[in-house]
Each structure stands twice: as structure tokens, then as C-alpha cells.
Amino acid sequence: MDKLTPEAIDRIFKQNRQQSANWIKVGMSTCGIAAGADEVYATLVEEIKKRNIQVTVKKCGCLGMCHAEPLVEVCVDGMPTVIYGRVNKEIAVKILDKHVNSKALLNDYIFDLETK
């Protein structure tokens, strides 16, 4: 395997972002799972399937904000990429209803925001 250069990493990152315009990542590191991320992930998968929402749910590792677990990162076309913290099943459903479907931010749960 060749050594990855910063340019190659950037290219891979951009390709992954282009594969699915709408995605949700749930932090499934040890601290996330201990805080309930597995339940949040299962809720999102179930609700997306029930509602036939066109968004991909992915598992990811630690984002470095263990104090705010479970963390959910949301990227929806036309919206900033947002990291929501202290997410539970009810907040996960709100994320789908408000952020994904209504394109409105849930300000009370935002821990980080990236404008495009």
C-alpha cells in the first residue's frame, strides 16, 4: 500500500462526500455506545425505513467530544453540516422531522456547525 499524501486524503474525503449528498453519522466509539449511541442508531435506521426518507445512516468513530455523547452528525443538501450532541431516541426523531425533512436546525442540541 502506498503512503497517503494530504492530497490523496483530501481527494478520498471529497469522493466520499459526493457519494451520498444526504447522510447521518452516529458516533459509535466506546464512549458513544456507553452513552446510548447504539439505541440512537437503531432508532434512526428504523424511522428512516418506516418513513422512506432518502438519507444514508453511517457509523463512525470518536469525534473527540466524549462529554456530549451520543453525537450525531447530519449533512443534508442545502443545510450546514451539524453535529448534534446528547442525542437520545426522541431527539433522533426530531432530527429526522426538523433537520432532514423540514430543513430547520435544532438549536438546543447543536455542538458544532460547519457552513459549506
PDB file of N, CA and C in Angstrom:
ATOM      1  N   MET A   1       0.837  -1.170   0.000  1.00  0.00           N
ATOM      2  CA  MET A   1       0.000   0.000   0.000  1.00  0.00           C
ATOM      3  C   MET A   1       0.890   1.244   0.000  1.00  0.00           C
ATOM      4  N   ASP A   2       0.559   2.179  -0.851  1.00  0.00           N
ATOM      5  CA  ASP A   2       1.316   3.418  -0.933  1.00  0.00           C
ATOM      6  C   ASP A   2       0.992   4.320   0.252  1.00  0.00           C
ATOM      7  N   LYS A   3       1.957   5.174   0.569  1.00  0.00           N
ATOM      8  CA  LYS A   3       1.761   6.144   1.637  1.00  0.00           C
ATOM      9  C   LYS A   3       0.736   7.191   1.175  1.00  0.00           C
ATOM     10  N   LEU A   4      -0.207   7.505   2.037  1.00  0.00           N
ATOM     11  CA  LEU A   4      -1.220   8.506   1.701  1.00  0.00           C
ATOM     12  C   LEU A   4      -0.667   9.912   1.903  1.00  0.00           C
ATOM     13  N   THR A   5      -0.814  10.716   0.903  1.00  0.00           N
ATOM     14  CA  THR A   5      -0.403  12.115   0.995  1.00  0.00           C
ATOM     15  C   THR A   5      -1.615  12.939   1.429  1.00  0.00           C
ATOM     16  N   PRO A   6      -1.390  14.162   1.910  1.00  0.00           N
ATOM     17  CA  PRO A   6      -2.533  15.018   2.254  1.00  0.00           C
ATOM     18  C   PRO A   6      -3.481  15.226   1.079  1.00  0.00           C
ATOM     19  N   GLU A   7      -2.935  15.296  -0.112  1.00  0.00           N
ATOM     20  CA  GLU A   7      -3.772  15.485  -1.305  1.00  0.00           C
ATOM     21  C   GLU A   7      -4.655  14.262  -1.550  1.00  0.00           C
ATOM     22  N   ALA A   8      -4.066  13.080  -1.386  1.00  0.00           N
ATOM     23  CA  ALA A   8      -4.826  11.835  -1.583  1.00  0.00           C
ATOM     24  C   ALA A   8      -5.934  11.704  -0.540  1.00  0.00           C
ATOM     25  N   ILE A   9      -5.639  12.049   0.686  1.00  0.00           N
ATOM     26  CA  ILE A   9      -6.650  12.006   1.750  1.00  0.00           C
ATOM     27  C   ILE A   9      -7.774  12.982   1.443  1.00  0.00           C
ATOM     28  N   ASP A  10      -7.428  14.176   0.998  1.00  0.00           N
ATOM     29  CA  ASP A  10      -8.435  15.173   0.640  1.00  0.00           C
ATOM     30  C   ASP A  10      -9.303  14.673  -0.511  1.00  0.00           C
ATOM     31  N   ARG A  11      -8.705  14.043  -1.504  1.00  0.00           N
ATOM     32  CA  ARG A  11      -9.445  13.511  -2.650  1.00  0.00           C
ATOM     33  C   ARG A  11     -10.413  12.407  -2.202  1.00  0.00           C
ATOM     34  N   ILE A  12      -9.959  11.513  -1.329  1.00  0.00           N
ATOM     35  CA  ILE A  12     -10.804  10.433  -0.810  1.00  0.00           C
ATOM     36  C   ILE A  12     -11.972  11.019  -0.023  1.00  0.00           C
ATOM     37  N   PHE A  13     -11.682  12.017   0.800  1.00  0.00           N
ATOM     38  CA  PHE A  13     -12.722  12.671   1.595  1.00  0.00           C
ATOM     39  C   PHE A  13     -13.785  13.286   0.684  1.00  0.00           C
ATOM     40  N   LYS A  14     -13.362  13.990  -0.352  1.00  0.00           N
ATOM     41  CA  LYS A  14     -14.305  14.622  -1.278  1.00  0.00           C
ATOM     42  C   LYS A  14     -15.127  13.583  -2.030  1.00  0.00           C
ATOM     43  N   GLN A  15     -14.510  12.471  -2.424  1.00  0.00           N
ATOM     44  CA  GLN A  15     -15.236  11.406  -3.123  1.00  0.00           C
ATOM     45  C   GLN A  15     -16.313  10.808  -2.218  1.00  0.00           C
ATOM     46  N   ASN A  16     -15.966  10.585  -0.964  1.00  0.00           N
ATOM     47  CA  ASN A  16     -16.936  10.021  -0.026  1.00  0.00           C
ATOM     48  C   ASN A  16     -18.102  10.960   0.208  1.00  0.00           C
ATOM     49  N   ARG A  17     -17.847  12.239   0.270  1.00  0.00           N
ATOM     50  CA  ARG A  17     -18.923  13.212   0.460  1.00  0.00           C
ATOM     51  C   ARG A  17     -19.840  13.258  -0.753  1.00  0.00           C
ATOM     52  N   GLN A  18     -19.297  13.050  -1.952  1.00  0.00           N
ATOM     53  CA  GLN A  18     -20.093  13.131  -3.166  1.00  0.00           C
ATOM     54  C   GLN A  18     -20.944  11.882  -3.378  1.00  0.00           C
ATOM     55  N   GLN A  19     -20.590  10.766  -2.779  1.00  0.00           N
ATOM     56  CA  GLN A  19     -21.328   9.524  -2.985  1.00  0.00           C
ATOM     57  C   GLN A  19     -22.767   9.636  -2.507  1.00  0.00           C
ATOM     58  N   SER A  20     -22.995  10.259  -1.413  1.00  0.00           N
ATOM     59  CA  SER A  20     -24.340  10.424  -0.878  1.00  0.00           C
ATOM     60  C   SER A  20     -24.472  11.842  -0.356  1.00  0.00           C
ATOM     61  N   ALA A  21     -25.310  12.619  -0.993  1.00  0.00           N
ATOM     62  CA  ALA A  21     -25.449  14.017  -0.603  1.00  0.00           C
ATOM     63  C   ALA A  21     -26.064  14.151   0.781  1.00  0.00           C
ATOM     64  N   ASN A  22     -26.961  13.255   1.142  1.00  0.00           N
ATOM     65  CA  ASN A  22     -27.636  13.318   2.437  1.00  0.00           C
ATOM     66  C   ASN A  22     -27.223  12.123   3.283  1.00  0.00           C
ATOM     67  N   TRP A  23     -26.619  12.425   4.435  1.00  0.00           N
ATOM     68  CA  TRP A  23     -26.184  11.350   5.317  1.00  0.00           C
ATOM     69  C   TRP A  23     -26.237  11.771   6.775  1.00  0.00           C
ATOM     70  N   ILE A  24     -26.297  10.765   7.627  1.00  0.00           N
ATOM     71  CA  ILE A  24     -26.254  10.951   9.078  1.00  0.00           C
ATOM     72  C   ILE A  24     -25.216   9.976   9.598  1.00  0.00           C
ATOM     73  N   LYS A  25     -24.304  10.478  10.424  1.00  0.00           N
ATOM     74  CA  LYS A  25     -23.296   9.626  11.055  1.00  0.00           C
ATOM     75  C   LYS A  25     -23.545   9.613  12.561  1.00  0.00           C
ATOM     76  N   VAL A  26     -23.496   8.429  13.131  1.00  0.00           N
ATOM     77  CA  VAL A  26     -23.656   8.269  14.573  1.00  0.00           C
ATOM     78  C   VAL A  26     -22.328   7.811  15.140  1.00  0.00           C
ATOM     79  N   GLY A  27     -21.819   8.538  16.127  1.00  0.00           N
ATOM     80  CA  GLY A  27     -20.555   8.188  16.768  1.00  0.00           C
ATOM     81  C   GLY A  27     -20.701   6.910  17.576  1.00  0.00           C
ATOM     82  N   MET A  28     -20.051   5.850  17.114  1.00  0.00           N
ATOM     83  CA  MET A  28     -20.181   4.543  17.751  1.00  0.00           C
ATOM     84  C   MET A  28     -18.877   4.094  18.413  1.00  0.00           C
ATOM     85  N   SER A  29     -18.130   5.045  18.970  1.00  0.00           N
ATOM     86  CA  SER A  29     -16.950   4.673  19.735  1.00  0.00           C
ATOM     87  C   SER A  29     -17.412   4.156  21.092  1.00  0.00           C
ATOM     88  N   THR A  30     -16.480   3.730  21.908  1.00  0.00           N
ATOM     89  CA  THR A  30     -16.825   3.171  23.211  1.00  0.00           C
ATOM     90  C   THR A  30     -17.641   4.149  24.047  1.00  0.00           C
ATOM     91  N   CYS A  31     -17.216   5.415  24.056  1.00  0.00           N
ATOM     92  CA  CYS A  31     -17.938   6.403  24.866  1.00  0.00           C
ATOM     93  C   CYS A  31     -19.335   6.658  24.301  1.00  0.00           C
ATOM     94  N   GLY A  32     -19.469   6.641  22.981  1.00  0.00           N
ATOM     95  CA  GLY A  32     -20.777   6.831  22.359  1.00  0.00           C
ATOM     96  C   GLY A  32     -21.725   5.689  22.668  1.00  0.00           C
ATOM     97  N   ILE A  33     -21.225   4.472  22.557  1.00  0.00           N
ATOM     98  CA  ILE A  33     -22.053   3.303  22.844  1.00  0.00           C
ATOM     99  C   ILE A  33     -22.465   3.295  24.312  1.00  0.00           C
ATOM    100  N   ALA A  34     -21.537   3.631  25.201  1.00  0.00           N
ATOM    101  CA  ALA A  34     -21.853   3.676  26.626  1.00  0.00           C
ATOM    102  C   ALA A  34     -22.931   4.719  26.926  1.00  0.00           C
ATOM    103  N   ALA A  35     -22.981   5.773  26.121  1.00  0.00           N
ATOM    104  CA  ALA A  35     -23.972   6.839  26.335  1.00  0.00           C
ATOM    105  C   ALA A  35     -25.293   6.568  25.622  1.00  0.00           C
ATOM    106  N   GLY A  36     -25.374   5.483  24.813  1.00  0.00           N
ATOM    107  CA  GLY A  36     -26.628   5.131  24.167  1.00  0.00           C
ATOM    108  C   GLY A  36     -26.657   5.283  22.663  1.00  0.00           C
ATOM    109  N   ALA A  37     -25.498   5.403  22.018  1.00  0.00           N
ATOM    110  CA  ALA A  37     -25.451   5.601  20.572  1.00  0.00           C
ATOM    111  C   ALA A  37     -26.048   4.433  19.796  1.00  0.00           C
ATOM    112  N   ASP A  38     -25.917   3.226  20.320  1.00  0.00           N
ATOM    113  CA  ASP A  38     -26.483   2.072  19.614  1.00  0.00           C
ATOM    114  C   ASP A  38     -28.002   2.179  19.513  1.00  0.00           C
ATOM    115  N   GLU A  39     -28.649   2.658  20.550  1.00  0.00           N
ATOM    116  CA  GLU A  39     -30.102   2.862  20.548  1.00  0.00           C
ATOM    117  C   GLU A  39     -30.493   3.987  19.585  1.00  0.00           C
ATOM    118  N   VAL A  40     -29.689   5.061  19.558  1.00  0.00           N
ATOM    119  CA  VAL A  40     -29.935   6.179  18.643  1.00  0.00           C
ATOM    120  C   VAL A  40     -29.790   5.704  17.204  1.00  0.00           C
ATOM    121  N   TYR A  41     -28.740   4.948  16.912  1.00  0.00           N
ATOM    122  CA  TYR A  41     -28.513   4.420  15.568  1.00  0.00           C
ATOM    123  C   TYR A  41     -29.694   3.548  15.130  1.00  0.00           C
ATOM    124  N   ALA A  42     -30.108   2.633  15.989  1.00  0.00           N
ATOM    125  CA  ALA A  42     -31.221   1.736  15.663  1.00  0.00           C
ATOM    126  C   ALA A  42     -32.506   2.524  15.417  1.00  0.00           C
ATOM    127  N   THR A  43     -32.748   3.547  16.206  1.00  0.00           N
ATOM    128  CA  THR A  43     -33.938   4.397  16.033  1.00  0.00           C
ATOM    129  C   THR A  43     -33.899   5.094  14.684  1.00  0.00           C
ATOM    130  N   LEU A  44     -32.754   5.670  14.335  1.00  0.00           N
ATOM    131  CA  LEU A  44     -32.636   6.362  13.047  1.00  0.00           C
ATOM    132  C   LEU A  44     -32.874   5.406  11.881  1.00  0.00           C
ATOM    133  N   VAL A  45     -32.250   4.240  11.922  1.00  0.00           N
ATOM    134  CA  VAL A  45     -32.408   3.265  10.843  1.00  0.00           C
ATOM    135  C   VAL A  45     -33.881   2.860  10.706  1.00  0.00           C
ATOM    136  N   GLU A  46     -34.512   2.578  11.820  1.00  0.00           N
ATOM    137  CA  GLU A  46     -35.917   2.152  11.814  1.00  0.00           C
ATOM    138  C   GLU A  46     -36.847   3.248  11.283  1.00  0.00           C
ATOM    139  N   GLU A  47     -36.666   4.475  11.780  1.00  0.00           N
ATOM    140  CA  GLU A  47     -37.536   5.585  11.377  1.00  0.00           C
ATOM    141  C   GLU A  47     -37.317   5.974   9.913  1.00  0.00           C
ATOM    142  N   ILE A  48     -36.098   5.925   9.452  1.00  0.00           N
ATOM    143  CA  ILE A  48     -35.804   6.244   8.043  1.00  0.00           C
ATOM    144  C   ILE A  48     -36.476   5.226   7.134  1.00  0.00           C
ATOM    145  N   LYS A  49     -36.405   3.972   7.531  1.00  0.00           N
ATOM    146  CA  LYS A  49     -37.033   2.907   6.741  1.00  0.00           C
ATOM    147  C   LYS A  49     -38.557   3.077   6.738  1.00  0.00           C
ATOM    148  N   LYS A  50     -39.139   3.319   7.925  1.00  0.00           N
ATOM    149  CA  LYS A  50     -40.595   3.490   8.040  1.00  0.00           C
ATOM    150  C   LYS A  50     -41.108   4.656   7.209  1.00  0.00           C
ATOM    151  N   ARG A  51     -40.348   5.757   7.238  1.00  0.00           N
ATOM    152  CA  ARG A  51     -40.784   6.999   6.594  1.00  0.00           C
ATOM    153  C   ARG A  51     -40.292   7.129   5.154  1.00  0.00           C
ATOM    154  N   ASN A  52     -39.486   6.165   4.710  1.00  0.00           N
ATOM    155  CA  ASN A  52     -38.921   6.185   3.360  1.00  0.00           C
ATOM    156  C   ASN A  52     -38.180   7.501   3.077  1.00  0.00           C
ATOM    157  N   ILE A  53     -37.327   7.888   4.004  1.00  0.00           N
ATOM    158  CA  ILE A  53     -36.529   9.111   3.876  1.00  0.00           C
ATOM    159  C   ILE A  53     -35.253   8.769   3.112  1.00  0.00           C
ATOM    160  N   GLN A  54     -34.880   9.622   2.176  1.00  0.00           N
ATOM    161  CA  GLN A  54     -33.691   9.393   1.346  1.00  0.00           C
ATOM    162  C   GLN A  54     -32.449   9.979   2.028  1.00  0.00           C
ATOM    163  N   VAL A  55     -31.950   9.271   3.028  1.00  0.00           N
ATOM    164  CA  VAL A  55     -30.738   9.655   3.733  1.00  0.00           C
ATOM    165  C   VAL A  55     -30.021   8.372   4.154  1.00  0.00           C
ATOM    166  N   THR A  56     -28.697   8.392   4.091  1.00  0.00           N
ATOM    167  CA  THR A  56     -27.879   7.245   4.465  1.00  0.00           C
ATOM    168  C   THR A  56     -27.441   7.399   5.919  1.00  0.00           C
ATOM    169  N   VAL A  57     -27.556   6.338   6.693  1.00  0.00           N
ATOM    170  CA  VAL A  57     -27.086   6.349   8.080  1.00  0.00           C
ATOM    171  C   VAL A  57     -25.801   5.545   8.141  1.00  0.00           C
ATOM    172  N   LYS A  58     -24.782   6.145   8.766  1.00  0.00           N
ATOM    173  CA  LYS A  58     -23.476   5.503   8.860  1.00  0.00           C
ATOM    174  C   LYS A  58     -23.015   5.499  10.312  1.00  0.00           C
ATOM    175  N   LYS A  59     -22.154   4.561  10.616  1.00  0.00           N
ATOM    176  CA  LYS A  59     -21.490   4.528  11.917  1.00  0.00           C
ATOM    177  C   LYS A  59     -20.114   5.147  11.736  1.00  0.00           C
ATOM    178  N   CYS A  60     -19.673   5.892  12.745  1.00  0.00           N
ATOM    179  CA  CYS A  60     -18.313   6.441  12.700  1.00  0.00           C
ATOM    180  C   CYS A  60     -17.690   6.321  14.079  1.00  0.00           C
ATOM    181  N   GLY A  61     -16.440   6.708  14.185  1.00  0.00           N
ATOM    182  CA  GLY A  61     -15.717   6.613  15.443  1.00  0.00           C
ATOM    183  C   GLY A  61     -15.842   7.872  16.271  1.00  0.00           C
ATOM    184  N   CYS A  62     -14.876   8.078  17.112  1.00  0.00           N
ATOM    185  CA  CYS A  62     -14.874   9.181  18.069  1.00  0.00           C
ATOM    186  C   CYS A  62     -14.672  10.524  17.373  1.00  0.00           C
ATOM    187  N   LEU A  63     -15.431  11.512  17.791  1.00  0.00           N
ATOM    188  CA  LEU A  63     -15.270  12.872  17.288  1.00  0.00           C
ATOM    189  C   LEU A  63     -14.542  13.762  18.289  1.00  0.00           C
ATOM    190  N   GLY A  64     -14.166  13.192  19.418  1.00  0.00           N
ATOM    191  CA  GLY A  64     -13.389  13.933  20.403  1.00  0.00           C
ATOM    192  C   GLY A  64     -14.207  14.766  21.376  1.00  0.00           C
ATOM    193  N   MET A  65     -15.495  14.580  21.397  1.00  0.00           N
ATOM    194  CA  MET A  65     -16.348  15.324  22.334  1.00  0.00           C
ATOM    195  C   MET A  65     -17.109  14.338  23.219  1.00  0.00           C
ATOM    196  N   CYS A  66     -16.366  13.546  23.964  1.00  0.00           N
ATOM    197  CA  CYS A  66     -16.963  12.481  24.778  1.00  0.00           C
ATOM    198  C   CYS A  66     -18.002  13.008  25.759  1.00  0.00           C
ATOM    199  N   HIS A  67     -17.813  14.227  26.208  1.00  0.00           N
ATOM    200  CA  HIS A  67     -18.753  14.821  27.161  1.00  0.00           C
ATOM    201  C   HIS A  67     -20.138  15.054  26.573  1.00  0.00           C
ATOM    202  N   ALA A  68     -20.252  15.022  25.237  1.00  0.00           N
ATOM    203  CA  ALA A  68     -21.514  15.330  24.567  1.00  0.00           C
ATOM    204  C   ALA A  68     -22.139  14.103  23.899  1.00  0.00           C
ATOM    205  N   GLU A  69     -21.611  12.913  24.146  1.00  0.00           N
ATOM    206  CA  GLU A  69     -22.134  11.698  23.519  1.00  0.00           C
ATOM    207  C   GLU A  69     -23.563  11.420  23.977  1.00  0.00           C
ATOM    208  N   PRO A  70     -24.326  10.761  23.155  1.00  0.00           N
ATOM    209  CA  PRO A  70     -24.114  10.336  21.793  1.00  0.00           C
ATOM    210  C   PRO A  70     -24.124  11.514  20.821  1.00  0.00           C
ATOM    211  N   LEU A  71     -23.194  11.477  19.871  1.00  0.00           N
ATOM    212  CA  LEU A  71     -23.072  12.522  18.861  1.00  0.00           C
ATOM    213  C   LEU A  71     -23.634  12.030  17.539  1.00  0.00           C
ATOM    214  N   VAL A  72     -24.344  12.926  16.849  1.00  0.00           N
ATOM    215  CA  VAL A  72     -24.921  12.617  15.548  1.00  0.00           C
ATOM    216  C   VAL A  72     -24.571  13.762  14.607  1.00  0.00           C
ATOM    217  N   GLU A  73     -23.884  13.433  13.515  1.00  0.00           N
ATOM    218  CA  GLU A  73     -23.525  14.429  12.508  1.00  0.00           C
ATOM    219  C   GLU A  73     -24.498  14.307  11.344  1.00  0.00           C
ATOM    220  N   VAL A  74     -25.045  15.439  10.908  1.00  0.00           N
ATOM    221  CA  VAL A  74     -26.070  15.429   9.866  1.00  0.00           C
ATOM    222  C   VAL A  74     -25.645  16.323   8.711  1.00  0.00           C
ATOM    223  N   CYS A  75     -25.677  15.763   7.506  1.00  0.00           N
ATOM    224  CA  CYS A  75     -25.378  16.512   6.289  1.00  0.00           C
ATOM    225  C   CYS A  75     -26.541  16.325   5.324  1.00  0.00           C
ATOM    226  N   VAL A  76     -27.266  17.411   5.096  1.00  0.00           N
ATOM    227  CA  VAL A  76     -28.419  17.394   4.201  1.00  0.00           C
ATOM    228  C   VAL A  76     -28.230  18.520   3.201  1.00  0.00           C
ATOM    229  N   ASP A  77     -28.476  18.213   1.943  1.00  0.00           N
ATOM    230  CA  ASP A  77     -28.319  19.193   0.875  1.00  0.00           C
ATOM    231  C   ASP A  77     -29.066  20.485   1.202  1.00  0.00           C
ATOM    232  N   GLY A  78     -28.371  21.608   1.057  1.00  0.00           N
ATOM    233  CA  GLY A  78     -28.970  22.911   1.310  1.00  0.00           C
ATOM    234  C   GLY A  78     -28.892  23.361   2.760  1.00  0.00           C
ATOM    235  N   MET A  79     -28.286  22.558   3.614  1.00  0.00           N
ATOM    236  CA  MET A  79     -28.163  22.871   5.041  1.00  0.00           C
ATOM    237  C   MET A  79     -26.693  22.770   5.453  1.00  0.00           C
ATOM    238  N   PRO A  80     -26.322  23.471   6.531  1.00  0.00           N
ATOM    239  CA  PRO A  80     -24.958  23.279   7.041  1.00  0.00           C
ATOM    240  C   PRO A  80     -24.820  21.886   7.647  1.00  0.00           C
ATOM    241  N   THR A  81     -23.606  21.381   7.679  1.00  0.00           N
ATOM    242  CA  THR A  81     -23.352  20.112   8.360  1.00  0.00           C
ATOM    243  C   THR A  81     -23.324  20.407   9.858  1.00  0.00           C
ATOM    244  N   VAL A  82     -24.082  19.641  10.614  1.00  0.00           N
ATOM    245  CA  VAL A  82     -24.275  19.911  12.033  1.00  0.00           C
ATOM    246  C   VAL A  82     -23.919  18.684  12.855  1.00  0.00           C
ATOM    247  N   ILE A  83     -23.293  18.915  14.003  1.00  0.00           N
ATOM    248  CA  ILE A  83     -23.086  17.845  14.977  1.00  0.00           C
ATOM    249  C   ILE A  83     -24.001  18.134  16.155  1.00  0.00           C
ATOM    250  N   TYR A  84     -24.935  17.214  16.364  1.00  0.00           N
ATOM    251  CA  TYR A  84     -25.842  17.300  17.500  1.00  0.00           C
ATOM    252  C   TYR A  84     -25.292  16.443  18.624  1.00  0.00           C
ATOM    253  N   GLY A  85     -25.404  16.927  19.852  1.00  0.00           N
ATOM    254  CA  GLY A  85     -24.895  16.198  20.999  1.00  0.00           C
ATOM    255  C   GLY A  85     -25.970  15.840  21.988  1.00  0.00           C
ATOM    256  N   ARG A  86     -25.631  14.851  22.831  1.00  0.00           N
ATOM    257  CA  ARG A  86     -26.540  14.330  23.849  1.00  0.00           C
ATOM    258  C   ARG A  86     -27.858  13.879  23.221  1.00  0.00           C
ATOM    259  N   VAL A  87     -27.727  13.180  22.104  1.00  0.00           N
ATOM    260  CA  VAL A  87     -28.893  12.737  21.352  1.00  0.00           C
ATOM    261  C   VAL A  87     -29.445  11.446  21.965  1.00  0.00           C
ATOM    262  N   ASN A  88     -30.769  11.426  22.140  1.00  0.00           N
ATOM    263  CA  ASN A  88     -31.458  10.210  22.564  1.00  0.00           C
ATOM    264  C   ASN A  88     -32.465   9.835  21.480  1.00  0.00           C
ATOM    265  N   LYS A  89     -33.301   8.835  21.731  1.00  0.00           N
ATOM    266  CA  LYS A  89     -34.256   8.387  20.710  1.00  0.00           C
ATOM    267  C   LYS A  89     -35.196   9.510  20.282  1.00  0.00           C
ATOM    268  N   GLU A  90     -35.687  10.280  21.235  1.00  0.00           N
ATOM    269  CA  GLU A  90     -36.633  11.355  20.925  1.00  0.00           C
ATOM    270  C   GLU A  90     -35.973  12.452  20.086  1.00  0.00           C
ATOM    271  N   ILE A  91     -34.752  12.808  20.433  1.00  0.00           N
ATOM    272  CA  ILE A  91     -34.033  13.841  19.670  1.00  0.00           C
ATOM    273  C   ILE A  91     -33.697  13.311  18.277  1.00  0.00           C
ATOM    274  N   ALA A  92     -33.377  12.025  18.169  1.00  0.00           N
ATOM    275  CA  ALA A  92     -33.099  11.423  16.862  1.00  0.00           C
ATOM    276  C   ALA A  92     -34.303  11.573  15.935  1.00  0.00           C
ATOM    277  N   VAL A  93     -35.495  11.350  16.453  1.00  0.00           N
ATOM    278  CA  VAL A  93     -36.711  11.505  15.655  1.00  0.00           C
ATOM    279  C   VAL A  93     -36.907  12.975  15.288  1.00  0.00           C
ATOM    280  N   LYS A  94     -36.624  13.877  16.233  1.00  0.00           N
ATOM    281  CA  LYS A  94     -36.713  15.318  15.940  1.00  0.00           C
ATOM    282  C   LYS A  94     -35.742  15.716  14.829  1.00  0.00           C
ATOM    283  N   ILE A  95     -34.553  15.127  14.839  1.00  0.00           N
ATOM    284  CA  ILE A  95     -33.562  15.420  13.791  1.00  0.00           C
ATOM    285  C   ILE A  95     -34.138  15.046  12.426  1.00  0.00           C
ATOM    286  N   LEU A  96     -34.778  13.899  12.344  1.00  0.00           N
ATOM    287  CA  LEU A  96     -35.386  13.489  11.076  1.00  0.00           C
ATOM    288  C   LEU A  96     -36.530  14.420  10.684  1.00  0.00           C
ATOM    289  N   ASP A  97     -37.397  14.732  11.640  1.00  0.00           N
ATOM    290  CA  ASP A  97     -38.559  15.586  11.349  1.00  0.00           C
ATOM    291  C   ASP A  97     -38.158  17.011  10.998  1.00  0.00           C
ATOM    292  N   LYS A  98     -37.311  17.596  11.827  1.00  0.00           N
ATOM    293  CA  LYS A  98     -36.993  19.021  11.671  1.00  0.00           C
ATOM    294  C   LYS A  98     -35.838  19.262  10.703  1.00  0.00           C
ATOM    295  N   HIS A  99     -34.684  18.667  10.984  1.00  0.00           N
ATOM    296  CA  HIS A  99     -33.494  18.957  10.181  1.00  0.00           C
ATOM    297  C   HIS A  99     -33.600  18.338   8.780  1.00  0.00           C
ATOM    298  N   VAL A 100     -33.858  17.049   8.714  1.00  0.00           N
ATOM    299  CA  VAL A 100     -33.847  16.356   7.426  1.00  0.00           C
ATOM    300  C   VAL A 100     -35.077  16.711   6.581  1.00  0.00           C
ATOM    301  N   ASN A 101     -36.269  16.615   7.166  1.00  0.00           N
ATOM    302  CA  ASN A 101     -37.490  16.845   6.387  1.00  0.00           C
ATOM    303  C   ASN A 101     -37.864  18.319   6.247  1.00  0.00           C
ATOM    304  N   SER A 102     -37.783  19.086   7.342  1.00  0.00           N
ATOM    305  CA  SER A 102     -38.231  20.488   7.306  1.00  0.00           C
ATOM    306  C   SER A 102     -37.104  21.483   7.066  1.00  0.00           C
ATOM    307  N   LYS A 103     -35.859  20.976   7.035  1.00  0.00           N
ATOM    308  CA  LYS A 103     -34.675  21.825   6.821  1.00  0.00           C
ATOM    309  C   LYS A 103     -34.605  22.972   7.833  1.00  0.00           C
ATOM    310  N   ALA A 104     -34.780  22.602   9.100  1.00  0.00           N
ATOM    311  CA  ALA A 104     -34.678  23.555  10.202  1.00  0.00           C
ATOM    312  C   ALA A 104     -33.713  22.980  11.242  1.00  0.00           C
ATOM    313  N   LEU A 105     -32.862  23.834  11.803  1.00  0.00           N
ATOM    314  CA  LEU A 105     -31.888  23.387  12.792  1.00  0.00           C
ATOM    315  C   LEU A 105     -32.536  23.232  14.167  1.00  0.00           C
ATOM    316  N   LEU A 106     -32.022  22.285  14.931  1.00  0.00           N
ATOM    317  CA  LEU A 106     -32.451  22.086  16.313  1.00  0.00           C
ATOM    318  C   LEU A 106     -31.402  22.763  17.198  1.00  0.00           C
ATOM    319  N   ASN A 107     -31.534  24.045  17.387  1.00  0.00           N
ATOM    320  CA  ASN A 107     -30.510  24.856  18.044  1.00  0.00           C
ATOM    321  C   ASN A 107     -30.129  24.373  19.441  1.00  0.00           C
ATOM    322  N   ASP A 108     -31.059  23.811  20.186  1.00  0.00           N
ATOM    323  CA  ASP A 108     -30.779  23.406  21.567  1.00  0.00           C
ATOM    324  C   ASP A 108     -29.814  22.231  21.668  1.00  0.00           C
ATOM    325  N   TYR A 109     -29.567  21.532  20.562  1.00  0.00           N
ATOM    326  CA  TYR A 109     -28.740  20.334  20.602  1.00  0.00           C
ATOM    327  C   TYR A 109     -27.468  20.444  19.765  1.00  0.00           C
ATOM    328  N   ILE A 110     -27.218  21.598  19.154  1.00  0.00           N
ATOM    329  CA  ILE A 110     -26.050  21.775  18.294  1.00  0.00           C
ATOM    330  C   ILE A 110     -24.781  21.917  19.126  1.00  0.00           C
ATOM    331  N   PHE A 111     -23.776  21.122  18.781  1.00  0.00           N
ATOM    332  CA  PHE A 111     -22.456  21.234  19.413  1.00  0.00           C
ATOM    333  C   PHE A 111     -21.419  21.750  18.444  1.00  0.00           C
ATOM    334  N   ASP A 112     -21.654  21.605  17.152  1.00  0.00           N
ATOM    335  CA  ASP A 112     -20.737  22.130  16.146  1.00  0.00           C
ATOM    336  C   ASP A 112     -21.518  22.330  14.853  1.00  0.00           C
ATOM    337  N   LEU A 113     -21.097  23.327  14.076  1.00  0.00           N
ATOM    338  CA  LEU A 113     -21.798  23.684  12.854  1.00  0.00           C
ATOM    339  C   LEU A 113     -20.762  24.040  11.802  1.00  0.00           C
ATOM    340  N   GLU A 114     -20.883  23.459  10.615  1.00  0.00           N
ATOM    341  CA  GLU A 114     -19.965  23.729   9.520  1.00  0.00           C
ATOM    342  C   GLU A 114     -20.771  24.245   8.335  1.00  0.00           C
ATOM    343  N   THR A 115     -20.567  25.489   7.976  1.00  0.00           N
ATOM    344  CA  THR A 115     -21.252  26.022   6.807  1.00  0.00           C
ATOM    345  C   THR A 115     -20.452  25.649   5.573  1.00  0.00           C
ATOM    346  N   LYS A 116     -21.137  25.410   4.484  1.00  0.00           N
ATOM    347  CA  LYS A 116     -20.483  24.959   3.248  1.00  0.00           C
ATOM    348  C   LYS A 116     -19.964  26.107   2.447  1.00  0.00           C
TER     349      LYS A 116
END
